Amino acid sequence: MMAYRDGVFASYVKDKQLIFQDISFGEDRARDGVSDKLEDERLSIYSVEAAVERRAEIIKVVVDKP
């Protein structure tokens, strides 16, 4: 997110006004048929099906008012 649109969020992240939290869902949200085997990099990382499953989602927004 620091590189998004020439760093538009960078100052907010630095000042802790904006906090990103990574939550991995892995198998919970991936479609059936997409390989999740670490030893099979070709299918689990580099396949078109695996690429389609990669995404970012906003699942919660908290606003603190002073």
N, C-alpha and C. Protein backbone atom coordinates (compact mmCIF):
# COMPACT_ATOMS: atom_id res chain seq x y z
N MET A 1 0.81 -1.20 0.00
CA MET A 1 0.00 0.00 0.00
C MET A 1 0.86 1.26 0.00
N MET A 2 2.09 1.14 0.42
CA MET A 2 2.94 2.32 0.47
C MET A 2 3.24 2.87 -0.93
N ALA A 3 3.21 2.04 -1.95
CA ALA A 3 3.51 2.47 -3.31
C ALA A 3 2.25 2.86 -4.08
N TYR A 4 1.10 2.60 -3.55
CA TYR A 4 -0.16 2.88 -4.24
C TYR A 4 -0.29 4.38 -4.53
N ARG A 5 -0.56 4.69 -5.78
CA ARG A 5 -0.76 6.07 -6.24
C ARG A 5 0.28 7.04 -5.70
N ASP A 6 1.54 6.69 -5.96
CA ASP A 6 2.68 7.53 -5.57
C ASP A 6 2.76 7.79 -4.07
N GLY A 7 2.35 6.81 -3.28
CA GLY A 7 2.50 6.91 -1.83
C GLY A 7 1.46 7.76 -1.13
N VAL A 8 0.26 7.84 -1.68
CA VAL A 8 -0.78 8.68 -1.10
C VAL A 8 -1.09 8.33 0.36
N PHE A 9 -0.90 7.07 0.75
CA PHE A 9 -1.18 6.65 2.12
C PHE A 9 0.04 6.70 3.04
N ALA A 10 1.22 6.92 2.49
CA ALA A 10 2.47 6.79 3.25
C ALA A 10 2.51 7.64 4.52
N SER A 11 2.15 8.90 4.45
CA SER A 11 2.23 9.76 5.63
C SER A 11 1.24 9.32 6.71
N TYR A 12 0.07 8.82 6.29
CA TYR A 12 -0.93 8.35 7.26
C TYR A 12 -0.45 7.08 7.97
N VAL A 13 0.20 6.20 7.22
CA VAL A 13 0.74 4.97 7.82
C VAL A 13 1.88 5.32 8.77
N LYS A 14 2.76 6.21 8.33
CA LYS A 14 3.90 6.61 9.16
C LYS A 14 3.44 7.23 10.48
N ASP A 15 2.39 8.06 10.43
CA ASP A 15 1.87 8.72 11.63
C ASP A 15 0.87 7.86 12.41
N LYS A 16 0.72 6.61 11.96
CA LYS A 16 -0.19 5.65 12.61
C LYS A 16 -1.64 6.12 12.62
N GLN A 17 -1.99 6.93 11.63
CA GLN A 17 -3.38 7.34 11.45
C GLN A 17 -4.13 6.32 10.61
N LEU A 18 -3.38 5.49 9.89
CA LEU A 18 -3.94 4.44 9.05
C LEU A 18 -3.15 3.18 9.31
N ILE A 19 -3.82 2.13 9.71
CA ILE A 19 -3.17 0.87 10.04
C ILE A 19 -3.77 -0.23 9.19
N PHE A 20 -2.91 -0.99 8.51
CA PHE A 20 -3.35 -2.14 7.73
C PHE A 20 -3.03 -3.39 8.53
N GLN A 21 -3.96 -4.32 8.54
CA GLN A 21 -3.74 -5.59 9.22
C GLN A 21 -3.96 -6.70 8.22
N ASP A 22 -2.98 -7.56 8.06
CA ASP A 22 -3.05 -8.66 7.11
C ASP A 22 -3.74 -9.85 7.76
N ILE A 23 -4.78 -10.33 7.11
CA ILE A 23 -5.48 -11.53 7.57
C ILE A 23 -5.54 -12.48 6.39
N SER A 24 -4.89 -13.61 6.50
CA SER A 24 -4.89 -14.59 5.42
C SER A 24 -6.04 -15.57 5.59
N PHE A 25 -6.80 -15.73 4.51
CA PHE A 25 -7.92 -16.66 4.56
C PHE A 25 -7.60 -17.99 3.90
N GLY A 26 -6.64 -18.01 3.00
CA GLY A 26 -6.19 -19.24 2.36
C GLY A 26 -7.32 -20.12 1.87
N GLU A 27 -7.38 -21.31 2.41
CA GLU A 27 -8.36 -22.30 1.95
C GLU A 27 -9.80 -21.88 2.23
N ASP A 28 -10.03 -21.03 3.19
CA ASP A 28 -11.39 -20.65 3.54
C ASP A 28 -12.13 -19.95 2.41
N ARG A 29 -11.43 -19.17 1.61
CA ARG A 29 -12.08 -18.39 0.56
C ARG A 29 -11.72 -18.81 -0.85
N ALA A 30 -10.72 -19.65 -1.01
CA ALA A 30 -10.31 -20.07 -2.35
C ALA A 30 -11.31 -21.07 -2.92
N ARG A 31 -11.51 -20.99 -4.23
CA ARG A 31 -12.41 -21.92 -4.91
C ARG A 31 -11.86 -23.33 -4.86
N ASP A 32 -12.74 -24.29 -4.91
CA ASP A 32 -12.32 -25.68 -5.02
C ASP A 32 -11.59 -25.86 -6.34
N GLY A 33 -10.58 -26.71 -6.33
CA GLY A 33 -9.83 -26.97 -7.55
C GLY A 33 -8.57 -26.15 -7.68
N VAL A 34 -8.36 -25.16 -6.82
CA VAL A 34 -7.13 -24.36 -6.85
C VAL A 34 -6.14 -25.02 -5.90
N SER A 35 -4.98 -25.37 -6.42
CA SER A 35 -3.99 -26.09 -5.63
C SER A 35 -3.47 -25.23 -4.48
N ASP A 36 -3.33 -25.86 -3.31
CA ASP A 36 -2.76 -25.17 -2.15
C ASP A 36 -1.52 -25.89 -1.63
N LYS A 37 -0.96 -26.74 -2.44
CA LYS A 37 0.21 -27.53 -2.03
C LYS A 37 1.48 -26.71 -2.21
N LEU A 38 2.18 -26.46 -1.11
CA LEU A 38 3.41 -25.66 -1.17
C LEU A 38 4.47 -26.27 -2.05
N GLU A 39 4.51 -27.59 -2.10
CA GLU A 39 5.53 -28.26 -2.92
C GLU A 39 5.21 -28.19 -4.41
N ASP A 40 4.02 -27.76 -4.77
CA ASP A 40 3.62 -27.63 -6.16
C ASP A 40 3.51 -26.15 -6.53
N GLU A 41 4.65 -25.46 -6.60
CA GLU A 41 4.67 -24.02 -6.86
C GLU A 41 4.00 -23.66 -8.18
N ARG A 42 4.21 -24.50 -9.19
CA ARG A 42 3.68 -24.18 -10.51
C ARG A 42 2.17 -23.99 -10.47
N LEU A 43 1.46 -24.86 -9.79
CA LEU A 43 0.00 -24.76 -9.74
C LEU A 43 -0.51 -23.89 -8.59
N SER A 44 0.16 -23.93 -7.44
CA SER A 44 -0.37 -23.21 -6.28
C SER A 44 0.01 -21.73 -6.24
N ILE A 45 1.03 -21.34 -7.00
CA ILE A 45 1.46 -19.93 -6.99
C ILE A 45 1.33 -19.30 -8.38
N TYR A 46 1.84 -19.98 -9.39
CA TYR A 46 1.99 -19.37 -10.70
C TYR A 46 0.88 -19.66 -11.69
N SER A 47 -0.07 -20.50 -11.35
CA SER A 47 -1.14 -20.81 -12.30
C SER A 47 -2.12 -19.64 -12.41
N VAL A 48 -2.84 -19.60 -13.51
CA VAL A 48 -3.86 -18.56 -13.72
C VAL A 48 -4.92 -18.66 -12.63
N GLU A 49 -5.32 -19.87 -12.29
CA GLU A 49 -6.34 -20.08 -11.26
C GLU A 49 -5.91 -19.51 -9.91
N ALA A 50 -4.65 -19.73 -9.54
CA ALA A 50 -4.14 -19.20 -8.27
C ALA A 50 -4.05 -17.67 -8.32
N ALA A 51 -3.66 -17.13 -9.46
CA ALA A 51 -3.56 -15.67 -9.59
C ALA A 51 -4.92 -15.01 -9.45
N VAL A 52 -5.95 -15.63 -9.98
CA VAL A 52 -7.31 -15.08 -9.89
C VAL A 52 -7.78 -15.03 -8.45
N GLU A 53 -7.30 -15.94 -7.62
CA GLU A 53 -7.72 -16.01 -6.22
C GLU A 53 -7.05 -14.97 -5.34
N ARG A 54 -5.96 -14.36 -5.82
CA ARG A 54 -5.27 -13.35 -5.01
C ARG A 54 -6.03 -12.03 -5.08
N ARG A 55 -6.33 -11.49 -3.93
CA ARG A 55 -7.08 -10.23 -3.87
C ARG A 55 -6.91 -9.59 -2.51
N ALA A 56 -7.26 -8.35 -2.43
CA ALA A 56 -7.27 -7.63 -1.15
C ALA A 56 -8.71 -7.21 -0.88
N GLU A 57 -9.12 -7.33 0.35
CA GLU A 57 -10.48 -6.96 0.73
C GLU A 57 -10.44 -6.09 1.97
N ILE A 58 -11.29 -5.10 2.00
CA ILE A 58 -11.48 -4.31 3.22
C ILE A 58 -12.61 -4.99 3.98
N ILE A 59 -12.30 -5.50 5.16
CA ILE A 59 -13.32 -6.22 5.92
C ILE A 59 -13.79 -5.47 7.15
N LYS A 60 -13.07 -4.41 7.51
CA LYS A 60 -13.47 -3.66 8.69
C LYS A 60 -12.84 -2.27 8.65
N VAL A 61 -13.61 -1.27 9.02
CA VAL A 61 -13.10 0.10 9.14
C VAL A 61 -13.50 0.60 10.51
N VAL A 62 -12.51 1.11 11.24
CA VAL A 62 -12.76 1.68 12.56
C VAL A 62 -12.34 3.15 12.52
N VAL A 63 -13.23 4.03 12.94
CA VAL A 63 -12.93 5.47 12.94
C VAL A 63 -12.87 5.92 14.39
N ASP A 64 -11.72 6.44 14.78
CA ASP A 64 -11.54 6.99 16.13
C ASP A 64 -11.70 8.50 16.03
N LYS A 65 -12.63 9.03 16.76
CA LYS A 65 -12.84 10.48 16.77
C LYS A 65 -12.22 11.06 18.05
N PRO A 66 -11.41 12.10 17.90
CA PRO A 66 -10.77 12.69 19.08
C PRO A 66 -11.76 13.38 20.00
